[in-house]
Amino acid sequence: MDRLTTFGAVAVTVMMVSYALEARDRAFVLLFAAACVAASIYGFMAGTWPFGVVEGVWALVAFRRWQQRPARGVDDKAQPVP
């Protein structure tokens, strides 16, 4: 297995693991976005530009989800101050 294939396999593996753990912490959402960027880079380097484009879009979607997800410990049901 060459370095490029190894890079792609690691990127996709990190994507799967971080996606499975997203419910535990928002950091996994950010890790998923970073892994999507890596998979996108792999796609372009391997000459499969459609894969690179799709993974780039997934990275943007995941980054947006990370931005919108509340930080850990933030109480969404806090009572407003009168």
C-alpha atoms as a PDB file:
ATOM      1  CA  MET A   1       0.000   0.000   0.000  1.00  0.00           C
ATOM      2  CA  ASP A   2       1.466   3.363  -0.989  1.00  0.00           C
ATOM      3  CA  ARG A   3       1.437   6.540   1.125  1.00  0.00           C
ATOM      4  CA  LEU A   4      -1.491   8.120  -0.698  1.00  0.00           C
ATOM      5  CA  THR A   5      -3.687   5.063  -0.171  1.00  0.00           C
ATOM      6  CA  THR A   6      -2.681   4.938   3.492  1.00  0.00           C
ATOM      7  CA  PHE A   7      -3.518   8.635   3.871  1.00  0.00           C
ATOM      8  CA  GLY A   8      -6.964   8.076   2.322  1.00  0.00           C
ATOM      9  CA  ALA A   9      -7.664   5.012   4.453  1.00  0.00           C
ATOM     10  CA  VAL A  10      -6.732   6.880   7.636  1.00  0.00           C
ATOM     11  CA  ALA A  11      -8.875   9.879   6.654  1.00  0.00           C
ATOM     12  CA  VAL A  12     -11.944   7.736   5.999  1.00  0.00           C
ATOM     13  CA  THR A  13     -11.386   5.709   9.183  1.00  0.00           C
ATOM     14  CA  VAL A  14     -11.200   8.884  11.284  1.00  0.00           C
ATOM     15  CA  MET A  15     -14.359  10.101   9.551  1.00  0.00           C
ATOM     16  CA  MET A  16     -16.261   6.947  10.503  1.00  0.00           C
ATOM     17  CA  VAL A  17     -15.083   6.904  14.109  1.00  0.00           C
ATOM     18  CA  SER A  18     -15.695  10.606  14.702  1.00  0.00           C
ATOM     19  CA  TYR A  19     -19.134  10.406  13.072  1.00  0.00           C
ATOM     20  CA  ALA A  20     -20.059   7.523  15.366  1.00  0.00           C
ATOM     21  CA  LEU A  21     -18.964   9.553  18.417  1.00  0.00           C
ATOM     22  CA  GLU A  22     -20.547  12.901  17.465  1.00  0.00           C
ATOM     23  CA  ALA A  23     -23.303  12.588  20.080  1.00  0.00           C
ATOM     24  CA  ARG A  24     -20.719  12.465  22.880  1.00  0.00           C
ATOM     25  CA  ASP A  25     -19.102  15.851  22.318  1.00  0.00           C
ATOM     26  CA  ARG A  26     -19.047  18.621  19.752  1.00  0.00           C
ATOM     27  CA  ALA A  27     -15.279  18.104  19.392  1.00  0.00           C
ATOM     28  CA  PHE A  28     -16.064  14.956  17.413  1.00  0.00           C
ATOM     29  CA  VAL A  29     -18.077  17.061  14.963  1.00  0.00           C
ATOM     30  CA  LEU A  30     -15.022  19.259  14.418  1.00  0.00           C
ATOM     31  CA  LEU A  31     -12.826  16.159  14.064  1.00  0.00           C
ATOM     32  CA  PHE A  32     -15.281  14.816  11.481  1.00  0.00           C
ATOM     33  CA  ALA A  33     -15.007  18.094   9.543  1.00  0.00           C
ATOM     34  CA  ALA A  34     -11.203  17.900   9.607  1.00  0.00           C
ATOM     35  CA  ALA A  35     -11.286  14.283   8.455  1.00  0.00           C
ATOM     36  CA  CYS A  36     -13.591  15.306   5.594  1.00  0.00           C
ATOM     37  CA  VAL A  37     -11.024  17.921   4.557  1.00  0.00           C
ATOM     38  CA  ALA A  38      -8.336  15.220   4.603  1.00  0.00           C
ATOM     39  CA  ALA A  39     -10.543  12.898   2.539  1.00  0.00           C
ATOM     40  CA  SER A  40     -11.185  15.726   0.089  1.00  0.00           C
ATOM     41  CA  ILE A  41      -7.457  16.305  -0.290  1.00  0.00           C
ATOM     42  CA  TYR A  42      -7.020  12.584  -0.833  1.00  0.00           C
ATOM     43  CA  GLY A  43      -9.720  12.608  -3.511  1.00  0.00           C
ATOM     44  CA  PHE A  44      -8.040  15.374  -5.489  1.00  0.00           C
ATOM     45  CA  MET A  45      -4.570  13.856  -5.090  1.00  0.00           C
ATOM     46  CA  ALA A  46      -5.832  10.441  -6.205  1.00  0.00           C
ATOM     47  CA  GLY A  47      -7.393  11.988  -9.298  1.00  0.00           C
ATOM     48  CA  THR A  48     -10.977  11.345  -8.238  1.00  0.00           C
ATOM     49  CA  TRP A  49     -12.112  14.947  -8.202  1.00  0.00           C
ATOM     50  CA  PRO A  50     -15.847  14.159  -7.709  1.00  0.00           C
ATOM     51  CA  PHE A  51     -14.943  12.449  -4.414  1.00  0.00           C
ATOM     52  CA  GLY A  52     -12.807  15.448  -3.501  1.00  0.00           C
ATOM     53  CA  VAL A  53     -15.659  17.861  -4.181  1.00  0.00           C
ATOM     54  CA  VAL A  54     -18.236  15.850  -2.230  1.00  0.00           C
ATOM     55  CA  GLU A  55     -15.943  15.470   0.771  1.00  0.00           C
ATOM     56  CA  GLY A  56     -15.215  19.204   0.648  1.00  0.00           C
ATOM     57  CA  VAL A  57     -18.936  19.930   0.804  1.00  0.00           C
ATOM     58  CA  TRP A  58     -19.306  17.493   3.727  1.00  0.00           C
ATOM     59  CA  ALA A  59     -16.487  19.335   5.503  1.00  0.00           C
ATOM     60  CA  LEU A  60     -18.357  22.637   5.153  1.00  0.00           C
ATOM     61  CA  VAL A  61     -21.610  21.069   6.383  1.00  0.00           C
ATOM     62  CA  ALA A  62     -19.881  19.482   9.375  1.00  0.00           C
ATOM     63  CA  PHE A  63     -18.062  22.710  10.249  1.00  0.00           C
ATOM     64  CA  ARG A  64     -21.369  24.566  10.171  1.00  0.00           C
ATOM     65  CA  ARG A  65     -22.934  21.917  12.441  1.00  0.00           C
ATOM     66  CA  TRP A  66     -20.008  22.310  14.843  1.00  0.00           C
ATOM     67  CA  GLN A  67     -20.530  26.091  14.937  1.00  0.00           C
ATOM     68  CA  GLN A  68     -24.243  25.741  15.683  1.00  0.00           C
ATOM     69  CA  ARG A  69     -23.937  23.030  18.328  1.00  0.00           C
ATOM     70  CA  PRO A  70     -23.827  24.410  21.883  1.00  0.00           C
ATOM     71  CA  ALA A  71     -20.660  23.943  23.886  1.00  0.00           C
ATOM     72  CA  ARG A  72     -20.609  21.171  26.465  1.00  0.00           C
ATOM     73  CA  GLY A  73     -22.057  22.241  29.783  1.00  0.00           C
ATOM     74  CA  VAL A  74     -24.264  24.928  28.274  1.00  0.00           C
ATOM     75  CA  ASP A  75     -27.774  24.549  29.628  1.00  0.00           C
ATOM     76  CA  ASP A  76     -30.228  25.085  26.777  1.00  0.00           C
ATOM     77  CA  LYS A  77     -33.161  25.183  29.201  1.00  0.00           C
ATOM     78  CA  ALA A  78     -31.829  27.873  31.494  1.00  0.00           C
ATOM     79  CA  GLN A  79     -34.483  30.210  32.860  1.00  0.00           C
ATOM     80  CA  PRO A  80     -34.298  33.797  31.614  1.00  0.00           C
ATOM     81  CA  VAL A  81     -33.299  36.422  34.143  1.00  0.00           C
ATOM     82  CA  PRO A  82     -36.291  38.723  34.917  1.00  0.00           C
END
